[in-house]
Amino acid sequence: MPDNTQVQQATSARANKDGNGSSPDGNSAIPFDAKALKEIKKALIGQRSELQDQLQSESQAFSSSESEIATDIRSDENPAEAGTATFEREKHLSIANNVQDLLEKSSKALAKIAKGSYGICEGCGKPISPERLKALPHALLCIECKKAEERR
């Protein structure tokens, strides 16, 4: 977790107005003006809404597959059909978990915009590259920290 000094340095680097686009440690500053942040916020709010809808849909599919399994068990249906129902249930559960994770990341990114710390890596405190944030506006880690997290 970055200390306050690292966050302040990264935030200062992002706000650097001297035109060279560099932070004190040589990283590129992230050029987020009010208009860009407004667009990112709008995109994140839209993404969050879509994810909430998808989560609700997956929850309903999960509930219906659970009731199908209960019915199959009670009526002594073909074990293969019960296996298929179990597979479908696990699939919906996995999708719901992934959607929930993205929903949490989107909400965190929106909170970071409100606090003025959007675009700062939660792992090392350095700015996240604009290219990464353009592709994944909900990203909370820079590429290096994300790779390290995935290796664990």
C-alpha atoms as a PDB file:
ATOM      1  CA  MET A   1       0.000   0.000   0.000  1.00  0.00           C
ATOM      2  CA  PRO A   2       1.465   3.394  -0.917  1.00  0.00           C
ATOM      3  CA  ASP A   3       2.258   5.850   1.833  1.00  0.00           C
ATOM      4  CA  ASN A   4       0.832   9.379   1.851  1.00  0.00           C
ATOM      5  CA  THR A   5       4.057  10.849   0.447  1.00  0.00           C
ATOM      6  CA  GLN A   6       3.888   8.606  -2.623  1.00  0.00           C
ATOM      7  CA  VAL A   7       0.224   9.468  -3.214  1.00  0.00           C
ATOM      8  CA  GLN A   8       0.948  13.187  -2.817  1.00  0.00           C
ATOM      9  CA  GLN A   9       3.896  12.962  -5.229  1.00  0.00           C
ATOM     10  CA  ALA A  10       1.814  11.076  -7.785  1.00  0.00           C
ATOM     11  CA  THR A  11      -1.070  13.512  -7.385  1.00  0.00           C
ATOM     12  CA  SER A  12       1.307  16.456  -7.720  1.00  0.00           C
ATOM     13  CA  ALA A  13       2.797  14.880 -10.804  1.00  0.00           C
ATOM     14  CA  ARG A  14      -0.639  14.538 -12.326  1.00  0.00           C
ATOM     15  CA  ALA A  15      -1.386  18.178 -11.592  1.00  0.00           C
ATOM     16  CA  ASN A  16       2.006  19.320 -12.920  1.00  0.00           C
ATOM     17  CA  LYS A  17       1.436  22.355 -15.077  1.00  0.00           C
ATOM     18  CA  ASP A  18       4.986  23.133 -16.176  1.00  0.00           C
ATOM     19  CA  GLY A  19       4.365  21.562 -19.568  1.00  0.00           C
ATOM     20  CA  ASN A  20       6.990  18.824 -19.446  1.00  0.00           C
ATOM     21  CA  GLY A  21       4.459  16.140 -18.484  1.00  0.00           C
ATOM     22  CA  SER A  22       6.816  14.440 -16.058  1.00  0.00           C
ATOM     23  CA  SER A  23       6.572  13.652 -12.397  1.00  0.00           C
ATOM     24  CA  PRO A  24       9.500  14.005  -9.990  1.00  0.00           C
ATOM     25  CA  ASP A  25      10.339  10.299 -10.407  1.00  0.00           C
ATOM     26  CA  GLY A  26      10.352  10.411 -14.230  1.00  0.00           C
ATOM     27  CA  ASN A  27       6.907   8.883 -14.814  1.00  0.00           C
ATOM     28  CA  SER A  28       4.546  10.559 -17.241  1.00  0.00           C
ATOM     29  CA  ALA A  29       1.929  12.665 -15.538  1.00  0.00           C
ATOM     30  CA  ILE A  30      -1.680  11.765 -16.253  1.00  0.00           C
ATOM     31  CA  PRO A  31      -3.411  14.618 -18.035  1.00  0.00           C
ATOM     32  CA  PHE A  32      -6.884  14.641 -16.521  1.00  0.00           C
ATOM     33  CA  ASP A  33      -8.658  17.903 -16.919  1.00  0.00           C
ATOM     34  CA  ALA A  34     -12.210  18.482 -15.684  1.00  0.00           C
ATOM     35  CA  LYS A  35     -13.714  17.568 -19.061  1.00  0.00           C
ATOM     36  CA  ALA A  36     -11.806  14.267 -19.266  1.00  0.00           C
ATOM     37  CA  LEU A  37     -12.766  13.341 -15.715  1.00  0.00           C
ATOM     38  CA  LYS A  38     -16.401  14.156 -16.468  1.00  0.00           C
ATOM     39  CA  GLU A  39     -16.320  11.807 -19.492  1.00  0.00           C
ATOM     40  CA  ILE A  40     -14.616   9.054 -17.485  1.00  0.00           C
ATOM     41  CA  LYS A  41     -17.148   9.473 -14.685  1.00  0.00           C
ATOM     42  CA  LYS A  42     -20.023   9.265 -17.174  1.00  0.00           C
ATOM     43  CA  ALA A  43     -18.552   6.083 -18.698  1.00  0.00           C
ATOM     44  CA  LEU A  44     -18.048   4.512 -15.264  1.00  0.00           C
ATOM     45  CA  ILE A  45     -21.605   5.353 -14.205  1.00  0.00           C
ATOM     46  CA  GLY A  46     -22.909   3.764 -17.416  1.00  0.00           C
ATOM     47  CA  GLN A  47     -20.714   0.713 -16.893  1.00  0.00           C
ATOM     48  CA  ARG A  48     -21.888   0.409 -13.301  1.00  0.00           C
ATOM     49  CA  SER A  49     -25.534   0.535 -14.395  1.00  0.00           C
ATOM     50  CA  GLU A  50     -24.971  -2.174 -17.012  1.00  0.00           C
ATOM     51  CA  LEU A  51     -23.139  -4.335 -14.495  1.00  0.00           C
ATOM     52  CA  GLN A  52     -25.958  -3.972 -11.951  1.00  0.00           C
ATOM     53  CA  ASP A  53     -28.446  -5.122 -14.596  1.00  0.00           C
ATOM     54  CA  GLN A  54     -26.219  -8.044 -15.552  1.00  0.00           C
ATOM     55  CA  LEU A  55     -25.749  -9.015 -11.903  1.00  0.00           C
ATOM     56  CA  GLN A  56     -29.504  -9.030 -11.382  1.00  0.00           C
ATOM     57  CA  SER A  57     -29.965 -11.180 -14.490  1.00  0.00           C
ATOM     58  CA  GLU A  58     -27.296 -13.664 -13.363  1.00  0.00           C
ATOM     59  CA  SER A  59     -28.809 -13.813  -9.877  1.00  0.00           C
ATOM     60  CA  GLN A  60     -32.188 -14.683 -11.369  1.00  0.00           C
ATOM     61  CA  ALA A  61     -30.621 -17.342 -13.607  1.00  0.00           C
ATOM     62  CA  PHE A  62     -28.758 -18.745 -10.600  1.00  0.00           C
ATOM     63  CA  SER A  63     -31.970 -18.892  -8.544  1.00  0.00           C
ATOM     64  CA  SER A  64     -33.893 -20.665 -11.295  1.00  0.00           C
ATOM     65  CA  SER A  65     -31.091 -23.200 -11.824  1.00  0.00           C
ATOM     66  CA  GLU A  66     -31.054 -23.871  -8.072  1.00  0.00           C
ATOM     67  CA  SER A  67     -34.772 -24.641  -8.108  1.00  0.00           C
ATOM     68  CA  GLU A  68     -34.260 -26.917 -11.131  1.00  0.00           C
ATOM     69  CA  ILE A  69     -31.611 -28.866  -9.215  1.00  0.00           C
ATOM     70  CA  ALA A  70     -33.925 -29.226  -6.222  1.00  0.00           C
ATOM     71  CA  THR A  71     -36.698 -30.483  -8.523  1.00  0.00           C
ATOM     72  CA  ASP A  72     -34.318 -32.928 -10.250  1.00  0.00           C
ATOM     73  CA  ILE A  73     -33.120 -34.329  -6.941  1.00  0.00           C
ATOM     74  CA  ARG A  74     -36.654 -34.829  -5.635  1.00  0.00           C
ATOM     75  CA  SER A  75     -37.957 -36.483  -8.794  1.00  0.00           C
ATOM     76  CA  ASP A  76     -34.958 -38.782  -9.297  1.00  0.00           C
ATOM     77  CA  GLU A  77     -34.299 -37.490 -12.813  1.00  0.00           C
ATOM     78  CA  ASN A  78     -31.444 -38.644 -14.969  1.00  0.00           C
ATOM     79  CA  PRO A  79     -28.105 -37.930 -13.202  1.00  0.00           C
ATOM     80  CA  ALA A  80     -26.733 -36.431 -16.424  1.00  0.00           C
ATOM     81  CA  GLU A  81     -29.469 -33.809 -16.408  1.00  0.00           C
ATOM     82  CA  ALA A  82     -28.700 -33.003 -12.775  1.00  0.00           C
ATOM     83  CA  GLY A  83     -25.036 -32.637 -13.766  1.00  0.00           C
ATOM     84  CA  THR A  84     -25.961 -30.224 -16.552  1.00  0.00           C
ATOM     85  CA  ALA A  85     -28.062 -28.195 -14.136  1.00  0.00           C
ATOM     86  CA  THR A  86     -25.163 -28.097 -11.667  1.00  0.00           C
ATOM     87  CA  PHE A  87     -22.815 -26.937 -14.425  1.00  0.00           C
ATOM     88  CA  GLU A  88     -25.231 -24.156 -15.405  1.00  0.00           C
ATOM     89  CA  ARG A  89     -25.570 -23.101 -11.781  1.00  0.00           C
ATOM     90  CA  GLU A  90     -21.795 -22.922 -11.349  1.00  0.00           C
ATOM     91  CA  LYS A  91     -21.469 -20.959 -14.600  1.00  0.00           C
ATOM     92  CA  HIS A  92     -24.014 -18.368 -13.446  1.00  0.00           C
ATOM     93  CA  LEU A  93     -22.339 -18.146 -10.050  1.00  0.00           C
ATOM     94  CA  SER A  94     -18.927 -17.578 -11.646  1.00  0.00           C
ATOM     95  CA  ILE A  95     -20.274 -14.888 -13.983  1.00  0.00           C
ATOM     96  CA  ALA A  96     -22.048 -13.192 -11.066  1.00  0.00           C
ATOM     97  CA  ASN A  97     -18.793 -13.167  -9.048  1.00  0.00           C
ATOM     98  CA  ASN A  98     -16.886 -11.603 -11.968  1.00  0.00           C
ATOM     99  CA  VAL A  99     -19.600  -8.989 -12.507  1.00  0.00           C
ATOM    100  CA  GLN A 100     -19.620  -8.196  -8.772  1.00  0.00           C
ATOM    101  CA  ASP A 101     -15.830  -7.700  -8.876  1.00  0.00           C
ATOM    102  CA  LEU A 102     -16.094  -5.293 -11.827  1.00  0.00           C
ATOM    103  CA  LEU A 103     -18.940  -3.469 -10.103  1.00  0.00           C
ATOM    104  CA  GLU A 104     -16.795  -2.956  -7.000  1.00  0.00           C
ATOM    105  CA  LYS A 105     -13.857  -1.710  -9.104  1.00  0.00           C
ATOM    106  CA  SER A 106     -16.115   0.736 -10.965  1.00  0.00           C
ATOM    107  CA  SER A 107     -17.510   2.063  -7.692  1.00  0.00           C
ATOM    108  CA  LYS A 108     -13.989   2.443  -6.277  1.00  0.00           C
ATOM    109  CA  ALA A 109     -12.890   4.319  -9.402  1.00  0.00           C
ATOM    110  CA  LEU A 110     -15.857   6.687  -9.044  1.00  0.00           C
ATOM    111  CA  ALA A 111     -14.960   7.263  -5.392  1.00  0.00           C
ATOM    112  CA  LYS A 112     -11.362   8.001  -6.419  1.00  0.00           C
ATOM    113  CA  ILE A 113     -12.594  10.577  -8.931  1.00  0.00           C
ATOM    114  CA  ALA A 114     -14.580  12.242  -6.137  1.00  0.00           C
ATOM    115  CA  LYS A 115     -11.522  12.243  -3.841  1.00  0.00           C
ATOM    116  CA  GLY A 116      -9.178  13.501  -6.566  1.00  0.00           C
ATOM    117  CA  SER A 117      -6.988  10.399  -6.566  1.00  0.00           C
ATOM    118  CA  TYR A 118      -8.217   8.766  -9.790  1.00  0.00           C
ATOM    119  CA  GLY A 119      -5.417   7.320 -11.891  1.00  0.00           C
ATOM    120  CA  ILE A 120      -3.107   6.594  -8.974  1.00  0.00           C
ATOM    121  CA  CYS A 121      -2.091   2.951  -8.515  1.00  0.00           C
ATOM    122  CA  GLU A 122      -3.326   1.460  -5.239  1.00  0.00           C
ATOM    123  CA  GLY A 123      -0.278  -0.799  -5.128  1.00  0.00           C
ATOM    124  CA  CYS A 124       2.665   1.525  -5.628  1.00  0.00           C
ATOM    125  CA  GLY A 125       1.182   5.019  -5.629  1.00  0.00           C
ATOM    126  CA  LYS A 126       2.502   5.868  -9.091  1.00  0.00           C
ATOM    127  CA  PRO A 127       0.289   7.167 -11.912  1.00  0.00           C
ATOM    128  CA  ILE A 128      -1.505   4.532 -13.985  1.00  0.00           C
ATOM    129  CA  SER A 129      -0.792   4.967 -17.695  1.00  0.00           C
ATOM    130  CA  PRO A 130      -3.442   6.897 -19.641  1.00  0.00           C
ATOM    131  CA  GLU A 131      -3.565   4.054 -22.191  1.00  0.00           C
ATOM    132  CA  ARG A 132      -4.488   1.564 -19.472  1.00  0.00           C
ATOM    133  CA  LEU A 133      -7.146   3.870 -18.044  1.00  0.00           C
ATOM    134  CA  LYS A 134      -8.553   4.480 -21.506  1.00  0.00           C
ATOM    135  CA  ALA A 135      -8.926   0.720 -22.035  1.00  0.00           C
ATOM    136  CA  LEU A 136     -10.027  -0.037 -18.450  1.00  0.00           C
ATOM    137  CA  PRO A 137     -11.397   3.081 -16.754  1.00  0.00           C
ATOM    138  CA  HIS A 138     -12.037   1.006 -13.612  1.00  0.00           C
ATOM    139  CA  ALA A 139      -8.361  -0.033 -13.315  1.00  0.00           C
ATOM    140  CA  LEU A 140      -7.020   0.436  -9.795  1.00  0.00           C
ATOM    141  CA  LEU A 141      -3.511  -0.919 -10.402  1.00  0.00           C
ATOM    142  CA  CYS A 142      -0.776  -0.013 -12.866  1.00  0.00           C
ATOM    143  CA  ILE A 143       0.397  -2.694 -15.308  1.00  0.00           C
ATOM    144  CA  GLU A 144       3.390  -3.678 -13.155  1.00  0.00           C
ATOM    145  CA  CYS A 145       1.343  -4.105  -9.973  1.00  0.00           C
ATOM    146  CA  LYS A 146      -1.391  -5.997 -11.850  1.00  0.00           C
ATOM    147  CA  LYS A 147       1.176  -8.402 -13.295  1.00  0.00           C
ATOM    148  CA  ALA A 148       2.628  -8.944  -9.813  1.00  0.00           C
ATOM    149  CA  GLU A 149      -0.863  -9.568  -8.417  1.00  0.00           C
ATOM    150  CA  GLU A 150      -1.607 -12.150 -11.123  1.00  0.00           C
ATOM    151  CA  ARG A 151       1.655 -14.005 -10.424  1.00  0.00           C
ATOM    152  CA  ARG A 152       0.642 -14.568  -6.793  1.00  0.00           C
END
